Amino acid sequence: MPYASILDLPPGVRDRLPVHAQEIYASAFNAAWERHAGAPDREAIAHRIAWAAVKRGYRKAGNLWVAR
């Protein structure tokens, strides 16, 4: 289930990440979704890849995600 926009992201992502990090998440998720089309755990893989992409550009400082 690729995300058409950041408004479609799960609430846990939308409520916690800044807009740019949400865009990174959605883009990475959508790319991973396509790359792993035949995988039985496709969605879980895509979410892990998306979080890894966010963590390359952002870090958690207290309760906030801030750019590195």
N, C-alpha and C. Protein backbone atom coordinates (compact mmCIF):
# COMPACT_ATOMS: atom_id res chain seq x y z
N MET A 1 0.82 -1.19 0.00
CA MET A 1 0.00 0.00 0.00
C MET A 1 0.86 1.25 0.00
N PRO A 2 1.36 1.66 -1.13
CA PRO A 2 2.17 2.87 -1.21
C PRO A 2 1.35 4.10 -0.77
N TYR A 3 2.07 5.11 -0.36
CA TYR A 3 1.43 6.34 0.12
C TYR A 3 1.41 7.39 -0.98
N ALA A 4 0.20 7.86 -1.32
CA ALA A 4 0.05 8.88 -2.35
C ALA A 4 0.54 10.24 -1.86
N SER A 5 0.38 10.50 -0.57
CA SER A 5 0.86 11.76 0.00
C SER A 5 1.18 11.52 1.48
N ILE A 6 1.80 12.51 2.09
CA ILE A 6 2.15 12.36 3.51
C ILE A 6 0.90 12.35 4.38
N LEU A 7 -0.21 12.82 3.88
CA LEU A 7 -1.47 12.78 4.64
C LEU A 7 -1.96 11.35 4.82
N ASP A 8 -1.47 10.43 3.99
CA ASP A 8 -1.87 9.03 4.06
C ASP A 8 -0.99 8.21 5.00
N LEU A 9 0.08 8.82 5.52
CA LEU A 9 0.99 8.09 6.41
C LEU A 9 0.27 7.69 7.70
N PRO A 10 0.76 6.64 8.36
CA PRO A 10 0.15 6.25 9.64
C PRO A 10 0.26 7.40 10.65
N PRO A 11 -0.71 7.52 11.54
CA PRO A 11 -0.70 8.61 12.53
C PRO A 11 0.59 8.65 13.35
N GLY A 12 1.17 7.52 13.66
CA GLY A 12 2.41 7.50 14.44
C GLY A 12 3.56 8.18 13.73
N VAL A 13 3.54 8.16 12.42
CA VAL A 13 4.58 8.83 11.63
C VAL A 13 4.21 10.30 11.47
N ARG A 14 2.98 10.57 11.08
CA ARG A 14 2.53 11.96 10.86
C ARG A 14 2.64 12.80 12.11
N ASP A 15 2.30 12.24 13.25
CA ASP A 15 2.26 13.02 14.49
C ASP A 15 3.63 13.27 15.10
N ARG A 16 4.61 12.48 14.72
CA ARG A 16 5.92 12.58 15.39
C ARG A 16 7.01 13.24 14.54
N LEU A 17 6.92 13.08 13.22
CA LEU A 17 8.01 13.56 12.36
C LEU A 17 7.72 14.92 11.75
N PRO A 18 8.78 15.74 11.55
CA PRO A 18 8.59 16.99 10.80
C PRO A 18 8.20 16.67 9.35
N VAL A 19 7.65 17.62 8.66
CA VAL A 19 7.14 17.41 7.30
C VAL A 19 8.22 16.83 6.38
N HIS A 20 9.41 17.38 6.39
CA HIS A 20 10.47 16.87 5.51
C HIS A 20 10.79 15.41 5.81
N ALA A 21 10.82 15.04 7.07
CA ALA A 21 11.08 13.65 7.44
C ALA A 21 9.92 12.76 6.99
N GLN A 22 8.71 13.27 7.03
CA GLN A 22 7.56 12.52 6.52
C GLN A 22 7.70 12.26 5.02
N GLU A 23 8.19 13.26 4.30
CA GLU A 23 8.40 13.10 2.86
C GLU A 23 9.46 12.04 2.59
N ILE A 24 10.52 12.06 3.38
CA ILE A 24 11.57 11.04 3.26
C ILE A 24 10.97 9.66 3.52
N TYR A 25 10.19 9.54 4.58
CA TYR A 25 9.57 8.27 4.95
C TYR A 25 8.70 7.75 3.80
N ALA A 26 7.82 8.59 3.29
CA ALA A 26 6.90 8.17 2.23
C ALA A 26 7.67 7.75 0.98
N SER A 27 8.66 8.52 0.61
CA SER A 27 9.44 8.21 -0.59
C SER A 27 10.19 6.89 -0.43
N ALA A 28 10.84 6.70 0.71
CA ALA A 28 11.58 5.47 0.95
C ALA A 28 10.64 4.27 1.04
N PHE A 29 9.50 4.45 1.69
CA PHE A 29 8.52 3.36 1.79
C PHE A 29 8.04 2.95 0.41
N ASN A 30 7.66 3.93 -0.41
CA ASN A 30 7.15 3.63 -1.74
C ASN A 30 8.18 2.93 -2.60
N ALA A 31 9.44 3.35 -2.53
CA ALA A 31 10.50 2.71 -3.30
C ALA A 31 10.73 1.28 -2.82
N ALA A 32 10.74 1.09 -1.51
CA ALA A 32 10.94 -0.25 -0.95
C ALA A 32 9.75 -1.15 -1.29
N TRP A 33 8.57 -0.60 -1.29
CA TRP A 33 7.36 -1.37 -1.63
C TRP A 33 7.49 -1.95 -3.03
N GLU A 34 7.98 -1.13 -3.96
CA GLU A 34 8.16 -1.60 -5.34
C GLU A 34 9.29 -2.62 -5.44
N ARG A 35 10.40 -2.35 -4.76
CA ARG A 35 11.59 -3.22 -4.83
C ARG A 35 11.33 -4.61 -4.26
N HIS A 36 10.48 -4.71 -3.28
CA HIS A 36 10.25 -5.99 -2.59
C HIS A 36 8.88 -6.57 -2.91
N ALA A 37 8.47 -6.45 -4.15
CA ALA A 37 7.13 -6.83 -4.58
C ALA A 37 6.78 -8.28 -4.26
N GLY A 38 7.73 -9.19 -4.34
CA GLY A 38 7.40 -10.60 -4.13
C GLY A 38 7.59 -11.08 -2.70
N ALA A 39 8.06 -10.23 -1.83
CA ALA A 39 8.36 -10.65 -0.46
C ALA A 39 7.07 -10.86 0.35
N PRO A 40 7.00 -11.94 1.12
CA PRO A 40 5.80 -12.16 1.92
C PRO A 40 5.61 -11.13 3.03
N ASP A 41 6.70 -10.55 3.51
CA ASP A 41 6.62 -9.52 4.56
C ASP A 41 6.96 -8.14 3.98
N ARG A 42 6.46 -7.90 2.79
CA ARG A 42 6.74 -6.68 2.03
C ARG A 42 6.49 -5.40 2.82
N GLU A 43 5.36 -5.31 3.49
CA GLU A 43 5.03 -4.09 4.21
C GLU A 43 5.99 -3.84 5.38
N ALA A 44 6.31 -4.87 6.12
CA ALA A 44 7.25 -4.73 7.25
C ALA A 44 8.62 -4.29 6.76
N ILE A 45 9.07 -4.87 5.66
CA ILE A 45 10.36 -4.50 5.07
C ILE A 45 10.34 -3.03 4.68
N ALA A 46 9.28 -2.62 4.01
CA ALA A 46 9.17 -1.23 3.55
C ALA A 46 9.18 -0.25 4.72
N HIS A 47 8.50 -0.59 5.81
CA HIS A 47 8.49 0.29 6.98
C HIS A 47 9.89 0.37 7.60
N ARG A 48 10.59 -0.75 7.70
CA ARG A 48 11.95 -0.73 8.26
C ARG A 48 12.89 0.13 7.41
N ILE A 49 12.78 -0.01 6.10
CA ILE A 49 13.62 0.78 5.20
C ILE A 49 13.28 2.27 5.32
N ALA A 50 12.00 2.58 5.42
CA ALA A 50 11.58 3.98 5.54
C ALA A 50 12.11 4.61 6.83
N TRP A 51 12.03 3.88 7.95
CA TRP A 51 12.56 4.41 9.21
C TRP A 51 14.08 4.59 9.13
N ALA A 52 14.76 3.66 8.48
CA ALA A 52 16.21 3.78 8.33
C ALA A 52 16.56 5.03 7.52
N ALA A 53 15.77 5.32 6.49
CA ALA A 53 16.01 6.52 5.68
C ALA A 53 15.82 7.79 6.51
N VAL A 54 14.79 7.80 7.33
CA VAL A 54 14.55 8.97 8.19
C VAL A 54 15.71 9.14 9.16
N LYS A 55 16.18 8.04 9.74
CA LYS A 55 17.24 8.12 10.74
C LYS A 55 18.58 8.56 10.16
N ARG A 56 18.75 8.46 8.84
CA ARG A 56 19.98 8.98 8.21
C ARG A 56 19.99 10.50 8.19
N GLY A 57 18.80 11.11 8.14
CA GLY A 57 18.73 12.56 8.06
C GLY A 57 18.25 13.24 9.33
N TYR A 58 17.68 12.46 10.24
CA TYR A 58 17.13 13.02 11.47
C TYR A 58 17.54 12.18 12.66
N ARG A 59 17.55 12.81 13.81
CA ARG A 59 17.82 12.09 15.06
C ARG A 59 16.79 12.54 16.08
N LYS A 60 16.57 11.69 17.04
CA LYS A 60 15.60 12.01 18.08
C LYS A 60 16.31 12.74 19.21
N ALA A 61 15.79 13.90 19.57
CA ALA A 61 16.32 14.71 20.67
C ALA A 61 15.17 14.89 21.65
N GLY A 62 15.18 14.10 22.70
CA GLY A 62 14.04 14.13 23.62
C GLY A 62 12.84 13.52 22.93
N ASN A 63 11.78 14.29 22.83
CA ASN A 63 10.57 13.83 22.13
C ASN A 63 10.46 14.34 20.71
N LEU A 64 11.47 15.08 20.26
CA LEU A 64 11.42 15.70 18.92
C LEU A 64 12.42 15.03 17.97
N TRP A 65 12.06 15.01 16.71
CA TRP A 65 13.00 14.56 15.67
C TRP A 65 13.60 15.82 15.05
N VAL A 66 14.92 15.91 15.03
CA VAL A 66 15.61 17.09 14.50
C VAL A 66 16.59 16.66 13.42
N ALA A 67 16.82 17.56 12.47
CA ALA A 67 17.75 17.29 11.37
C ALA A 67 19.15 17.11 11.90
N ARG A 68 19.88 16.20 11.29
CA ARG A 68 21.28 15.98 11.68
C ARG A 68 22.15 17.09 11.15
